[in-house]
Protein backbone atom coordinates (compact mmCIF):
# COMPACT_ATOMS: atom_id res chain seq x y z
CA MET A 1 2.77 -33.67 21.81
CA PRO A 2 5.61 -32.11 19.62
CA PRO A 3 8.72 -30.77 21.56
CA TRP A 4 8.88 -27.04 22.26
CA PRO A 5 11.39 -25.09 20.19
CA GLU A 6 14.81 -25.15 21.62
CA PRO A 7 14.61 -21.66 23.24
CA VAL A 8 11.59 -22.58 25.13
CA GLU A 9 13.10 -25.88 26.25
CA ARG A 10 16.05 -23.75 27.58
CA VAL A 11 13.53 -21.82 29.74
CA ALA A 12 11.60 -24.73 30.73
CA SER A 13 14.82 -26.64 31.79
CA PHE A 14 16.08 -23.46 33.86
CA LEU A 15 12.66 -23.32 35.62
CA ARG A 16 12.80 -27.01 36.41
CA ASP A 17 16.43 -26.84 37.61
CA SER A 18 15.56 -23.81 39.74
CA GLY A 19 12.57 -25.51 41.44
CA ALA A 20 10.50 -22.61 40.04
CA GLU A 21 6.71 -22.19 40.72
CA ALA A 22 6.06 -21.07 37.20
CA ARG A 23 3.84 -22.27 34.15
CA ILE A 24 4.67 -22.07 30.50
CA GLU A 25 1.88 -21.65 28.17
CA GLU A 26 1.77 -21.86 24.31
CA PHE A 27 -0.70 -19.69 22.51
CA ALA A 28 -2.24 -20.06 19.02
CA VAL A 29 -1.34 -16.40 18.26
CA ALA A 30 1.91 -14.71 18.37
CA THR A 31 2.77 -12.66 21.45
CA PRO A 32 5.60 -10.48 20.29
CA THR A 33 4.34 -7.24 21.92
CA ALA A 34 3.07 -6.63 25.40
CA VAL A 35 -0.37 -5.71 24.02
CA ASP A 36 -0.55 -9.02 22.05
CA ALA A 37 0.78 -11.10 25.17
CA ALA A 38 -1.90 -9.51 27.48
CA ARG A 39 -4.50 -10.29 24.85
CA ALA A 40 -3.40 -13.92 24.58
CA ALA A 41 -2.87 -14.34 28.39
CA GLY A 42 -6.23 -12.65 29.25
CA CYS A 43 -4.54 -10.39 31.72
CA GLU A 44 -4.02 -6.65 32.34
CA LEU A 45 -1.20 -5.02 30.20
CA ALA A 46 0.47 -4.09 33.45
CA GLN A 47 0.94 -7.89 34.25
CA ILE A 48 3.14 -8.25 31.27
CA ALA A 49 6.91 -7.94 32.19
CA LYS A 50 8.79 -6.77 29.21
CA ALA A 51 12.37 -7.70 29.22
CA VAL A 52 14.14 -4.78 27.50
CA VAL A 53 17.73 -5.27 26.88
CA PHE A 54 20.02 -2.17 27.22
CA ASP A 55 23.51 -1.51 25.99
CA CYS A 56 25.49 0.21 28.68
CA GLY A 57 28.80 0.38 26.66
CA ASP A 58 30.81 -2.21 28.21
CA ARG A 59 27.89 -4.59 29.22
CA PHE A 60 24.30 -5.55 28.63
CA VAL A 61 21.47 -5.24 31.41
CA VAL A 62 17.91 -6.18 31.22
CA ALA A 63 15.04 -3.90 32.62
CA LEU A 64 11.75 -5.88 33.46
CA THR A 65 8.99 -3.15 33.00
CA PRO A 66 5.18 -3.35 33.04
CA GLY A 67 3.65 -3.78 29.70
CA ASP A 68 1.83 -0.45 30.04
CA ARG A 69 4.78 1.66 30.51
CA ARG A 70 8.00 2.41 28.62
CA ALA A 71 11.54 1.75 30.12
CA ASP A 72 13.43 5.24 30.90
CA ALA A 73 17.07 4.75 29.57
CA GLY A 74 18.30 7.43 31.97
CA LYS A 75 16.91 5.60 35.04
CA VAL A 76 18.29 2.37 33.73
CA ALA A 77 21.61 3.92 33.24
CA SER A 78 21.54 5.10 36.74
CA ALA A 79 20.57 1.75 38.29
CA ALA A 80 23.28 0.05 36.32
CA GLU A 81 25.75 2.86 37.40
CA ALA A 82 26.59 3.25 33.68
CA ALA A 83 27.24 6.54 31.95
CA ARG A 84 24.53 5.71 29.42
CA ALA A 85 22.05 3.04 28.46
CA LYS A 86 20.47 2.61 24.94
CA VAL A 87 17.95 -0.02 23.95
CA ALA A 88 20.10 -2.74 22.36
CA ARG A 89 19.85 -3.31 18.56
CA PRO A 90 18.10 -6.66 17.47
CA ALA A 91 21.65 -8.42 16.94
CA GLN A 92 22.76 -7.17 20.31
CA VAL A 93 19.61 -8.74 21.94
CA VAL A 94 20.38 -11.96 20.50
CA GLU A 95 24.09 -11.83 21.54
CA ALA A 96 23.18 -10.92 25.17
CA THR A 97 20.29 -13.23 25.64
CA GLY A 98 20.29 -15.91 23.10
CA PHE A 99 16.66 -14.97 22.40
CA GLU A 100 15.18 -13.37 19.45
CA PRO A 101 13.56 -9.96 19.96
CA GLY A 102 9.84 -10.41 20.73
CA ALA A 103 10.66 -13.67 22.41
CA VAL A 104 13.13 -12.62 25.16
CA ALA A 105 12.86 -14.64 28.43
CA PRO A 106 14.18 -13.06 31.60
CA PHE A 107 16.30 -16.19 32.22
CA PRO A 108 18.77 -17.72 31.49
CA LEU A 109 20.75 -14.71 30.26
CA PRO A 110 24.27 -15.59 29.88
CA GLY A 111 25.43 -12.46 28.37
CA VAL A 112 23.58 -10.07 30.83
CA ALA A 113 25.56 -8.43 33.53
CA ALA A 114 22.51 -7.31 35.64
CA THR A 115 18.76 -7.34 35.76
CA PHE A 116 16.45 -4.60 37.27
CA ILE A 117 12.77 -4.82 37.70
CA ASP A 118 10.48 -1.96 38.03
CA GLN A 119 8.79 -1.72 41.44
CA MET A 120 5.30 -1.57 39.80
CA LEU A 121 5.63 -5.20 38.86
CA LEU A 122 6.10 -6.07 42.26
CA THR A 123 2.49 -5.20 43.30
CA GLN A 124 0.89 -7.67 40.99
CA ASP A 125 -0.18 -11.19 42.03
CA LYS A 126 1.07 -12.78 38.88
CA VAL A 127 3.17 -11.55 35.93
CA TRP A 128 3.71 -13.10 32.52
CA VAL A 129 7.16 -13.05 30.85
CA GLY A 130 8.46 -14.13 27.51
CA ALA A 131 9.39 -17.70 27.42
CA GLY A 132 11.78 -18.07 24.21
CA SER A 133 9.55 -17.81 21.43
CA PRO A 134 6.82 -15.32 20.08
CA SER A 135 4.10 -17.78 21.06
CA HIS A 136 5.12 -18.89 24.59
CA LEU A 137 4.64 -17.07 27.83
CA ALA A 138 5.47 -18.02 31.43
CA ALA A 139 3.37 -17.04 34.51
CA LEU A 140 4.90 -16.65 37.86
CA ALA A 141 4.64 -14.46 41.09
CA PRO A 142 6.75 -11.28 41.02
CA ALA A 143 8.79 -12.53 44.19
CA GLU A 144 9.53 -15.78 42.20
CA LEU A 145 10.82 -13.62 39.09
CA VAL A 146 12.85 -11.65 41.41
CA ARG A 147 14.47 -14.74 42.90
CA LEU A 148 15.23 -16.28 39.49
CA THR A 149 16.58 -13.16 37.87
CA HIS A 150 18.48 -11.78 40.99
CA ALA A 151 16.76 -8.46 39.80
CA ARG A 152 17.16 -5.27 41.80
CA ALA A 153 14.03 -3.41 42.12
CA GLY A 154 13.54 0.44 41.31
CA ASP A 155 11.91 3.00 39.45
CA LEU A 156 12.74 2.37 35.88
CA VAL A 157 9.97 3.67 33.82
CA GLU A 158 9.14 6.96 32.31
CA ARG A 159 6.69 9.18 34.12
CA LEU A 160 3.17 9.42 32.78
CA PRO A 161 2.13 12.89 31.78
CA GLU A 162 -0.08 14.73 34.40
CA PRO A 163 -3.65 14.97 33.34
CA GLY A 164 -4.36 18.48 31.79
CA GLY A 165 -0.66 19.06 30.72
CA VAL A 166 2.41 20.20 32.48
CA SER A 167 2.73 19.20 36.13
CA ASP A 168 4.83 22.16 37.37
CA ALA A 169 2.76 24.89 35.68
CA ARG A 170 2.27 27.84 37.99
CA PRO A 171 -0.67 30.35 37.83
CA GLY A 172 0.37 33.49 36.02
């Protein structure tokens, strides 16, 4: 069996050294998006933990959010105690994580100051995360993900629109 690409080996080594209960899988199809990853892994979109890198001005942070939701930059900035947070540009993603966009693993992240995890991911039995390449994912329990990333939990995602329109509409 040929060796995995270097970034995947970096993730596998981190998992071994951490005594993690996790499994890395290689897929025949690329998994750069949450939809692609869920399809390949045969799981619900909400079980994909997207690692979104944010530029907070003087540091980078990562928000782990469910695949079926969008990270809310304002909530991430608040969690990071930063004046603002914006999604990092591709070159910044590589600088902060050592991984290419679409292949970001949540560990090891040498250039990331903090990691946050959306509380909805903690309700899953198992989540899938990027593992260093567009065709590798790792499966693990959310509690293990928190242990490995030292992530702080909170509400990090945009609210879904209320069915039927605006939620604070009042009768006329």
